[in-house]
Amino acid sequence: MQYKYMNSNAKKSIALVAHDNMKQDLIKWCQTYKKQLSSHQLYATGTTGRLLIEQTKLSITKLSSGPLGGDQQIGALITEKKIDMLIFFWDPLEAQPHDPDVKALLRLAAVWNIPVASNLATAEFLINSGLFNLDYERKVPDYAHYLFERA
């Protein structure tokens, strides 16, 4: 595999997602870190986005609901290199009707080497990292050679 480095600017594009049983945890986290989050570009899936906007007054680009394609929209933004970080409070104990979409989203985050917080503790580590508000060079796969061979 060939790699290249990609810049994540100091102003990050952050995707915010939460399963139903985790939405209140994400809302409280966003309320706690509203000042830090407000200087970044935020995206969220449907209901989560609506609740976050209502309860935090943060500026958020709201996408479709997760089960209706919002997870895939965020995955597409990751693939287009428009998302720098994913905060996804998912419920490991509740079956999700759109589980394949969730797994695809997490796989894309791993493929494109973006930081992912799947719970409160990890989200707190990320937002309190010295890198959160700095430019960051991250190593990503360079698929140009692969795509060229397949054409």
Protein backbone atom coordinates (compact mmCIF):
# COMPACT_ATOMS: atom_id res chain seq x y z
CA MET A 1 0.00 0.00 0.00
CA GLN A 2 1.21 3.46 -0.86
CA TYR A 3 0.48 6.37 1.46
CA LYS A 4 0.44 10.13 1.40
CA TYR A 5 -0.11 12.80 4.00
CA MET A 6 -3.16 14.99 4.18
CA ASN A 7 -3.64 18.14 6.20
CA SER A 8 -6.47 18.45 8.69
CA ASN A 9 -6.73 22.17 9.29
CA ALA A 10 -6.93 23.76 12.72
CA LYS A 11 -10.62 24.39 11.91
CA LYS A 12 -11.85 20.82 11.73
CA SER A 13 -14.91 19.36 10.05
CA ILE A 14 -16.51 17.17 12.68
CA ALA A 15 -19.36 14.69 12.18
CA LEU A 16 -21.67 14.15 15.15
CA VAL A 17 -23.82 11.01 15.29
CA ALA A 18 -25.66 9.25 18.12
CA HIS A 19 -27.98 6.30 18.37
CA ASP A 20 -31.30 6.94 20.14
CA ASN A 21 -30.17 5.73 23.57
CA MET A 22 -27.00 7.84 23.31
CA LYS A 23 -28.39 11.16 22.04
CA GLN A 24 -28.64 12.75 25.49
CA ASP A 25 -25.00 11.86 26.22
CA LEU A 26 -23.91 13.53 22.98
CA ILE A 27 -26.07 16.59 23.69
CA LYS A 28 -24.55 16.96 27.18
CA TRP A 29 -21.05 16.52 25.74
CA CYS A 30 -21.70 19.21 23.12
CA GLN A 31 -23.11 21.54 25.78
CA THR A 32 -20.01 20.99 27.90
CA TYR A 33 -17.66 21.70 24.98
CA LYS A 34 -19.81 24.21 23.11
CA LYS A 35 -17.08 26.87 23.10
CA GLN A 36 -14.49 24.48 21.64
CA LEU A 37 -16.92 23.05 19.07
CA SER A 38 -18.23 26.44 17.92
CA SER A 39 -15.03 27.27 16.05
CA HIS A 40 -15.27 24.12 13.89
CA GLN A 41 -17.53 23.04 11.00
CA LEU A 42 -20.09 20.59 12.41
CA TYR A 43 -22.23 18.01 10.61
CA ALA A 44 -24.85 15.73 12.14
CA THR A 45 -27.38 13.15 11.08
CA GLY A 46 -31.09 14.05 11.14
CA THR A 47 -32.66 13.77 14.57
CA THR A 48 -29.32 14.14 16.34
CA GLY A 49 -28.65 17.33 14.39
CA ARG A 50 -32.07 18.75 15.15
CA LEU A 51 -31.72 18.05 18.86
CA LEU A 52 -28.20 19.45 18.99
CA ILE A 53 -29.24 22.65 17.23
CA GLU A 54 -32.26 23.07 19.54
CA GLN A 55 -30.39 22.35 22.76
CA THR A 56 -26.93 23.82 22.09
CA LYS A 57 -27.59 26.54 19.47
CA LEU A 58 -24.43 25.37 17.66
CA SER A 59 -24.25 25.92 13.92
CA ILE A 60 -24.60 22.44 12.42
CA THR A 61 -25.11 21.21 8.87
CA LYS A 62 -27.93 18.70 9.29
CA LEU A 63 -28.00 15.66 7.01
CA SER A 64 -30.63 12.92 6.64
CA SER A 65 -31.55 10.66 9.52
CA GLY A 66 -29.06 7.81 9.95
CA PRO A 67 -31.43 5.00 8.92
CA LEU A 68 -32.59 7.08 5.94
CA GLY A 69 -29.09 7.60 4.54
CA GLY A 70 -27.42 10.07 6.92
CA ASP A 71 -24.72 7.58 7.91
CA GLN A 72 -23.98 7.06 4.22
CA GLN A 73 -23.89 10.82 3.63
CA ILE A 74 -21.26 11.18 6.34
CA GLY A 75 -19.38 8.23 4.85
CA ALA A 76 -19.40 9.99 1.48
CA LEU A 77 -18.06 13.18 3.08
CA ILE A 78 -15.27 11.14 4.69
CA THR A 79 -14.43 9.62 1.30
CA GLU A 80 -14.39 13.10 -0.25
CA LYS A 81 -11.93 14.11 2.50
CA LYS A 82 -14.39 16.67 3.92
CA ILE A 83 -14.60 15.20 7.44
CA ASP A 84 -11.62 15.33 9.82
CA MET A 85 -13.16 13.66 12.86
CA LEU A 86 -16.15 11.47 13.75
CA ILE A 87 -17.87 11.60 17.12
CA PHE A 88 -20.29 8.67 17.03
CA PHE A 89 -21.93 7.67 20.28
CA TRP A 90 -23.27 4.29 19.25
CA ASP A 91 -25.20 1.89 21.40
CA PRO A 92 -23.40 -1.47 21.56
CA LEU A 93 -26.31 -3.16 23.36
CA GLU A 94 -29.16 -2.19 21.04
CA ALA A 95 -29.71 -3.80 17.63
CA GLN A 96 -29.89 -1.16 14.89
CA PRO A 97 -31.99 -1.64 11.73
CA HIS A 98 -29.30 0.17 9.74
CA ASP A 99 -26.37 -1.76 11.24
CA PRO A 100 -24.73 -2.36 7.82
CA ASP A 101 -24.63 1.43 7.28
CA VAL A 102 -23.08 1.94 10.72
CA LYS A 103 -20.39 -0.66 10.01
CA ALA A 104 -19.70 0.91 6.61
CA LEU A 105 -19.33 4.34 8.21
CA LEU A 106 -16.89 3.06 10.82
CA ARG A 107 -14.96 1.18 8.12
CA LEU A 108 -14.61 4.35 6.02
CA ALA A 109 -13.37 6.27 9.05
CA ALA A 110 -10.69 3.59 9.52
CA VAL A 111 -9.80 3.52 5.80
CA TRP A 112 -9.27 7.30 5.72
CA ASN A 113 -7.55 7.34 9.12
CA ILE A 114 -9.73 9.92 10.82
CA PRO A 115 -10.06 10.04 14.60
CA VAL A 116 -13.24 8.36 15.85
CA ALA A 117 -14.80 8.60 19.29
CA SER A 118 -17.40 5.91 19.90
CA ASN A 119 -18.03 6.84 23.52
CA LEU A 120 -17.83 9.71 26.00
CA ALA A 121 -14.35 8.90 27.30
CA THR A 122 -12.79 8.86 23.84
CA ALA A 123 -14.62 12.03 22.82
CA GLU A 124 -13.20 13.77 25.89
CA PHE A 125 -9.69 12.58 25.03
CA LEU A 126 -10.06 13.93 21.48
CA ILE A 127 -11.45 17.34 22.35
CA ASN A 128 -8.84 17.81 25.08
CA SER A 129 -5.96 16.73 22.86
CA GLY A 130 -3.37 19.35 22.00
CA LEU A 131 -4.02 18.51 18.34
CA PHE A 132 -7.72 19.38 18.44
CA ASN A 133 -7.22 23.02 17.45
CA LEU A 134 -4.01 22.62 15.44
CA ASP A 135 -3.20 21.66 11.88
CA TYR A 136 -2.49 17.94 11.76
CA GLU A 137 -0.85 15.89 9.02
CA ARG A 138 -2.44 12.45 8.88
CA LYS A 139 -1.29 9.47 6.89
CA VAL A 140 -3.89 8.25 4.40
CA PRO A 141 -3.85 5.54 1.74
CA ASP A 142 -2.94 6.76 -1.73
CA TYR A 143 -5.34 4.89 -3.97
CA ALA A 144 -4.29 6.72 -7.15
CA HIS A 145 -2.05 3.83 -8.20
CA TYR A 146 -4.78 1.28 -7.44
CA LEU A 147 -7.42 3.25 -9.36
CA PHE A 148 -5.08 3.79 -12.31
CA GLU A 149 -4.37 0.03 -12.59
CA ARG A 150 -8.10 -0.79 -12.58
CA ALA A 151 -9.00 1.72 -15.31
